[in-house]
Amino acid sequence: MTIIFLLIGLSLLVALVFLAGFLWAVRSGQYDDAYTPSVRMLFDDEAPTEPTAPVRRR
């Protein structure tokens, strides 16, 4: 029976740690830009550039 109280206490402690991490992320601006990720897939990547010196083959 005492293990139940220990597990409840530990789970509440873990939940408080995750809540504190979430609040820190919100306050530090991690979730400010909600628009860019939704349109990022619409932009093309830059084309790869050609090498400047030609490669000699024998």
PDB file of N, CA and C in Angstrom:
ATOM      1  N   MET A   1       0.821  -1.200   0.000  1.00  0.00           N
ATOM      2  CA  MET A   1       0.000   0.000   0.000  1.00  0.00           C
ATOM      3  C   MET A   1       0.865   1.264   0.000  1.00  0.00           C
ATOM      4  N   THR A   2       2.007   1.188   0.655  1.00  0.00           N
ATOM      5  CA  THR A   2       2.854   2.382   0.697  1.00  0.00           C
ATOM      6  C   THR A   2       3.464   2.684  -0.673  1.00  0.00           C
ATOM      7  N   ILE A   3       3.593   1.648  -1.504  1.00  0.00           N
ATOM      8  CA  ILE A   3       4.153   1.884  -2.836  1.00  0.00           C
ATOM      9  C   ILE A   3       3.222   2.752  -3.675  1.00  0.00           C
ATOM     10  N   ILE A   4       1.912   2.634  -3.443  1.00  0.00           N
ATOM     11  CA  ILE A   4       0.945   3.469  -4.170  1.00  0.00           C
ATOM     12  C   ILE A   4       1.179   4.941  -3.854  1.00  0.00           C
ATOM     13  N   PHE A   5       1.380   5.252  -2.592  1.00  0.00           N
ATOM     14  CA  PHE A   5       1.617   6.648  -2.210  1.00  0.00           C
ATOM     15  C   PHE A   5       2.942   7.147  -2.781  1.00  0.00           C
ATOM     16  N   LEU A   6       3.932   6.282  -2.821  1.00  0.00           N
ATOM     17  CA  LEU A   6       5.211   6.658  -3.408  1.00  0.00           C
ATOM     18  C   LEU A   6       5.062   6.915  -4.908  1.00  0.00           C
ATOM     19  N   LEU A   7       4.338   6.052  -5.605  1.00  0.00           N
ATOM     20  CA  LEU A   7       4.144   6.229  -7.044  1.00  0.00           C
ATOM     21  C   LEU A   7       3.302   7.457  -7.362  1.00  0.00           C
ATOM     22  N   ILE A   8       2.297   7.733  -6.558  1.00  0.00           N
ATOM     23  CA  ILE A   8       1.485   8.942  -6.765  1.00  0.00           C
ATOM     24  C   ILE A   8       2.341  10.186  -6.565  1.00  0.00           C
ATOM     25  N   GLY A   9       3.151  10.193  -5.535  1.00  0.00           N
ATOM     26  CA  GLY A   9       4.038  11.335  -5.288  1.00  0.00           C
ATOM     27  C   GLY A   9       5.036  11.544  -6.412  1.00  0.00           C
ATOM     28  N   LEU A  10       5.624  10.447  -6.885  1.00  0.00           N
ATOM     29  CA  LEU A  10       6.575  10.550  -7.985  1.00  0.00           C
ATOM     30  C   LEU A  10       5.908  11.011  -9.264  1.00  0.00           C
ATOM     31  N   SER A  11       4.715  10.518  -9.548  1.00  0.00           N
ATOM     32  CA  SER A  11       4.027  10.935 -10.776  1.00  0.00           C
ATOM     33  C   SER A  11       3.633  12.407 -10.711  1.00  0.00           C
ATOM     34  N   LEU A  12       3.249  12.881  -9.548  1.00  0.00           N
ATOM     35  CA  LEU A  12       2.942  14.312  -9.411  1.00  0.00           C
ATOM     36  C   LEU A  12       4.200  15.155  -9.592  1.00  0.00           C
ATOM     37  N   LEU A  13       5.314  14.671  -9.082  1.00  0.00           N
ATOM     38  CA  LEU A  13       6.576  15.391  -9.249  1.00  0.00           C
ATOM     39  C   LEU A  13       6.974  15.461 -10.724  1.00  0.00           C
ATOM     40  N   VAL A  14       6.853  14.353 -11.438  1.00  0.00           N
ATOM     41  CA  VAL A  14       7.181  14.338 -12.868  1.00  0.00           C
ATOM     42  C   VAL A  14       6.233  15.251 -13.642  1.00  0.00           C
ATOM     43  N   ALA A  15       4.949  15.237 -13.288  1.00  0.00           N
ATOM     44  CA  ALA A  15       3.979  16.102 -13.962  1.00  0.00           C
ATOM     45  C   ALA A  15       4.309  17.572 -13.725  1.00  0.00           C
ATOM     46  N   LEU A  16       4.736  17.920 -12.531  1.00  0.00           N
ATOM     47  CA  LEU A  16       5.106  19.307 -12.244  1.00  0.00           C
ATOM     48  C   LEU A  16       6.358  19.722 -13.020  1.00  0.00           C
ATOM     49  N   VAL A  17       7.293  18.800 -13.193  1.00  0.00           N
ATOM     50  CA  VAL A  17       8.494  19.111 -13.978  1.00  0.00           C
ATOM     51  C   VAL A  17       8.119  19.382 -15.435  1.00  0.00           C
ATOM     52  N   PHE A  18       7.241  18.546 -15.995  1.00  0.00           N
ATOM     53  CA  PHE A  18       6.813  18.773 -17.378  1.00  0.00           C
ATOM     54  C   PHE A  18       5.998  20.063 -17.507  1.00  0.00           C
ATOM     55  N   LEU A  19       5.179  20.373 -16.533  1.00  0.00           N
ATOM     56  CA  LEU A  19       4.417  21.623 -16.561  1.00  0.00           C
ATOM     57  C   LEU A  19       5.354  22.821 -16.492  1.00  0.00           C
ATOM     58  N   ALA A  20       6.370  22.746 -15.648  1.00  0.00           N
ATOM     59  CA  ALA A  20       7.338  23.842 -15.555  1.00  0.00           C
ATOM     60  C   ALA A  20       8.098  24.002 -16.870  1.00  0.00           C
ATOM     61  N   GLY A  21       8.459  22.895 -17.506  1.00  0.00           N
ATOM     62  CA  GLY A  21       9.142  22.970 -18.801  1.00  0.00           C
ATOM     63  C   GLY A  21       8.262  23.580 -19.874  1.00  0.00           C
ATOM     64  N   PHE A  22       6.989  23.221 -19.877  1.00  0.00           N
ATOM     65  CA  PHE A  22       6.060  23.793 -20.846  1.00  0.00           C
ATOM     66  C   PHE A  22       5.884  25.290 -20.617  1.00  0.00           C
ATOM     67  N   LEU A  23       5.712  25.687 -19.372  1.00  0.00           N
ATOM     68  CA  LEU A  23       5.550  27.116 -19.080  1.00  0.00           C
ATOM     69  C   LEU A  23       6.808  27.897 -19.442  1.00  0.00           C
ATOM     70  N   TRP A  24       7.977  27.316 -19.205  1.00  0.00           N
ATOM     71  CA  TRP A  24       9.217  27.982 -19.587  1.00  0.00           C
ATOM     72  C   TRP A  24       9.287  28.152 -21.103  1.00  0.00           C
ATOM     73  N   ALA A  25       8.878  27.130 -21.853  1.00  0.00           N
ATOM     74  CA  ALA A  25       8.925  27.207 -23.315  1.00  0.00           C
ATOM     75  C   ALA A  25       7.965  28.264 -23.840  1.00  0.00           C
ATOM     76  N   VAL A  26       6.792  28.369 -23.252  1.00  0.00           N
ATOM     77  CA  VAL A  26       5.817  29.365 -23.699  1.00  0.00           C
ATOM     78  C   VAL A  26       6.314  30.766 -23.383  1.00  0.00           C
ATOM     79  N   ARG A  27       6.867  30.948 -22.203  1.00  0.00           N
ATOM     80  CA  ARG A  27       7.331  32.287 -21.815  1.00  0.00           C
ATOM     81  C   ARG A  27       8.579  32.722 -22.571  1.00  0.00           C
ATOM     82  N   SER A  28       9.387  31.769 -23.017  1.00  0.00           N
ATOM     83  CA  SER A  28      10.605  32.145 -23.733  1.00  0.00           C
ATOM     84  C   SER A  28      10.372  32.302 -25.229  1.00  0.00           C
ATOM     85  N   GLY A  29       9.139  32.099 -25.700  1.00  0.00           N
ATOM     86  CA  GLY A  29       8.810  32.377 -27.086  1.00  0.00           C
ATOM     87  C   GLY A  29       8.960  31.204 -28.034  1.00  0.00           C
ATOM     88  N   GLN A  30       8.965  29.994 -27.542  1.00  0.00           N
ATOM     89  CA  GLN A  30       9.124  28.833 -28.411  1.00  0.00           C
ATOM     90  C   GLN A  30       7.934  28.639 -29.340  1.00  0.00           C
ATOM     91  N   TYR A  31       6.769  29.109 -28.954  1.00  0.00           N
ATOM     92  CA  TYR A  31       5.558  28.882 -29.736  1.00  0.00           C
ATOM     93  C   TYR A  31       5.036  30.161 -30.394  1.00  0.00           C
ATOM     94  N   ASP A  32       5.882  31.150 -30.577  1.00  0.00           N
ATOM     95  CA  ASP A  32       5.428  32.420 -31.142  1.00  0.00           C
ATOM     96  C   ASP A  32       5.121  32.335 -32.637  1.00  0.00           C
ATOM     97  N   ASP A  33       5.917  31.612 -33.391  1.00  0.00           N
ATOM     98  CA  ASP A  33       5.752  31.562 -34.844  1.00  0.00           C
ATOM     99  C   ASP A  33       4.962  30.317 -35.233  1.00  0.00           C
ATOM    100  N   ALA A  34       3.676  30.472 -35.430  1.00  0.00           N
ATOM    101  CA  ALA A  34       2.835  29.335 -35.804  1.00  0.00           C
ATOM    102  C   ALA A  34       2.585  29.290 -37.311  1.00  0.00           C
ATOM    103  N   TYR A  35       2.981  30.322 -38.044  1.00  0.00           N
ATOM    104  CA  TYR A  35       2.679  30.395 -39.471  1.00  0.00           C
ATOM    105  C   TYR A  35       3.753  29.741 -40.336  1.00  0.00           C
ATOM    106  N   THR A  36       5.006  29.970 -40.033  1.00  0.00           N
ATOM    107  CA  THR A  36       6.099  29.524 -40.891  1.00  0.00           C
ATOM    108  C   THR A  36       6.134  28.011 -41.113  1.00  0.00           C
ATOM    109  N   PRO A  37       5.997  27.166 -40.099  1.00  0.00           N
ATOM    110  CA  PRO A  37       6.066  25.724 -40.376  1.00  0.00           C
ATOM    111  C   PRO A  37       4.995  25.229 -41.338  1.00  0.00           C
ATOM    112  N   SER A  38       3.861  25.877 -41.385  1.00  0.00           N
ATOM    113  CA  SER A  38       2.798  25.401 -42.267  1.00  0.00           C
ATOM    114  C   SER A  38       3.061  25.727 -43.734  1.00  0.00           C
ATOM    115  N   VAL A  39       3.867  26.738 -44.021  1.00  0.00           N
ATOM    116  CA  VAL A  39       4.153  27.094 -45.415  1.00  0.00           C
ATOM    117  C   VAL A  39       5.580  26.751 -45.829  1.00  0.00           C
ATOM    118  N   ARG A  40       6.381  26.249 -44.925  1.00  0.00           N
ATOM    119  CA  ARG A  40       7.772  25.936 -45.250  1.00  0.00           C
ATOM    120  C   ARG A  40       7.870  24.861 -46.322  1.00  0.00           C
ATOM    121  N   MET A  41       6.938  23.921 -46.328  1.00  0.00           N
ATOM    122  CA  MET A  41       6.998  22.848 -47.322  1.00  0.00           C
ATOM    123  C   MET A  41       6.664  23.342 -48.728  1.00  0.00           C
ATOM    124  N   LEU A  42       6.106  24.536 -48.863  1.00  0.00           N
ATOM    125  CA  LEU A  42       5.754  25.066 -50.170  1.00  0.00           C
ATOM    126  C   LEU A  42       6.941  25.709 -50.888  1.00  0.00           C
ATOM    127  N   PHE A  43       7.982  26.059 -50.154  1.00  0.00           N
ATOM    128  CA  PHE A  43       9.145  26.706 -50.752  1.00  0.00           C
ATOM    129  C   PHE A  43      10.115  25.655 -51.269  1.00  0.00           C
ATOM    130  N   ASP A  44      10.673  25.919 -52.455  1.00  0.00           N
ATOM    131  CA  ASP A  44      11.651  25.005 -53.035  1.00  0.00           C
ATOM    132  C   ASP A  44      13.002  25.199 -52.365  1.00  0.00           C
ATOM    133  N   ASP A  45      13.757  24.124 -52.322  1.00  0.00           N
ATOM    134  CA  ASP A  45      15.127  24.226 -51.840  1.00  0.00           C
ATOM    135  C   ASP A  45      15.975  24.865 -52.923  1.00  0.00           C
ATOM    136  N   GLU A  46      17.082  25.445 -52.516  1.00  0.00           N
ATOM    137  CA  GLU A  46      17.986  26.037 -53.493  1.00  0.00           C
ATOM    138  C   GLU A  46      18.634  24.923 -54.309  1.00  0.00           C
ATOM    139  N   ALA A  47      18.825  25.197 -55.590  1.00  0.00           N
ATOM    140  CA  ALA A  47      19.437  24.206 -56.475  1.00  0.00           C
ATOM    141  C   ALA A  47      20.909  24.043 -56.117  1.00  0.00           C
ATOM    142  N   PRO A  48      21.426  22.835 -56.194  1.00  0.00           N
ATOM    143  CA  PRO A  48      22.853  22.652 -55.893  1.00  0.00           C
ATOM    144  C   PRO A  48      23.710  23.336 -56.947  1.00  0.00           C
ATOM    145  N   THR A  49      24.803  23.905 -56.518  1.00  0.00           N
ATOM    146  CA  THR A  49      25.688  24.621 -57.441  1.00  0.00           C
ATOM    147  C   THR A  49      26.673  23.646 -58.070  1.00  0.00           C
ATOM    148  N   GLU A  50      27.125  23.995 -59.270  1.00  0.00           N
ATOM    149  CA  GLU A  50      28.108  23.182 -59.980  1.00  0.00           C
ATOM    150  C   GLU A  50      29.486  23.427 -59.375  1.00  0.00           C
ATOM    151  N   PRO A  51      30.348  22.434 -59.408  1.00  0.00           N
ATOM    152  CA  PRO A  51      31.712  22.660 -58.907  1.00  0.00           C
ATOM    153  C   PRO A  51      32.426  23.691 -59.773  1.00  0.00           C
ATOM    154  N   THR A  52      33.309  24.475 -59.183  1.00  0.00           N
ATOM    155  CA  THR A  52      33.974  25.554 -59.912  1.00  0.00           C
ATOM    156  C   THR A  52      35.043  25.030 -60.861  1.00  0.00           C
ATOM    157  N   ALA A  53      35.790  24.020 -60.484  1.00  0.00           N
ATOM    158  CA  ALA A  53      36.837  23.479 -61.360  1.00  0.00           C
ATOM    159  C   ALA A  53      36.363  22.143 -61.922  1.00  0.00           C
ATOM    160  N   PRO A  54      36.566  21.942 -63.234  1.00  0.00           N
ATOM    161  CA  PRO A  54      36.150  20.651 -63.798  1.00  0.00           C
ATOM    162  C   PRO A  54      37.028  19.515 -63.277  1.00  0.00           C
ATOM    163  N   VAL A  55      36.440  18.376 -63.143  1.00  0.00           N
ATOM    164  CA  VAL A  55      37.167  17.209 -62.649  1.00  0.00           C
ATOM    165  C   VAL A  55      37.739  16.457 -63.843  1.00  0.00           C
ATOM    166  N   ARG A  56      39.046  16.209 -63.823  1.00  0.00           N
ATOM    167  CA  ARG A  56      39.698  15.494 -64.928  1.00  0.00           C
ATOM    168  C   ARG A  56      39.642  13.998 -64.652  1.00  0.00           C
ATOM    169  N   ARG A  57      39.272  13.273 -65.674  1.00  0.00           N
ATOM    170  CA  ARG A  57      39.233  11.818 -65.554  1.00  0.00           C
ATOM    171  C   ARG A  57      40.196  11.212 -66.560  1.00  0.00           C
ATOM    172  N   ARG A  58      40.817  10.145 -66.200  1.00  0.00           N
ATOM    173  CA  ARG A  58      41.759   9.469 -67.109  1.00  0.00           C
ATOM    174  C   ARG A  58      41.116   8.314 -67.787  1.00  0.00           C
TER     175      ARG A  58
END
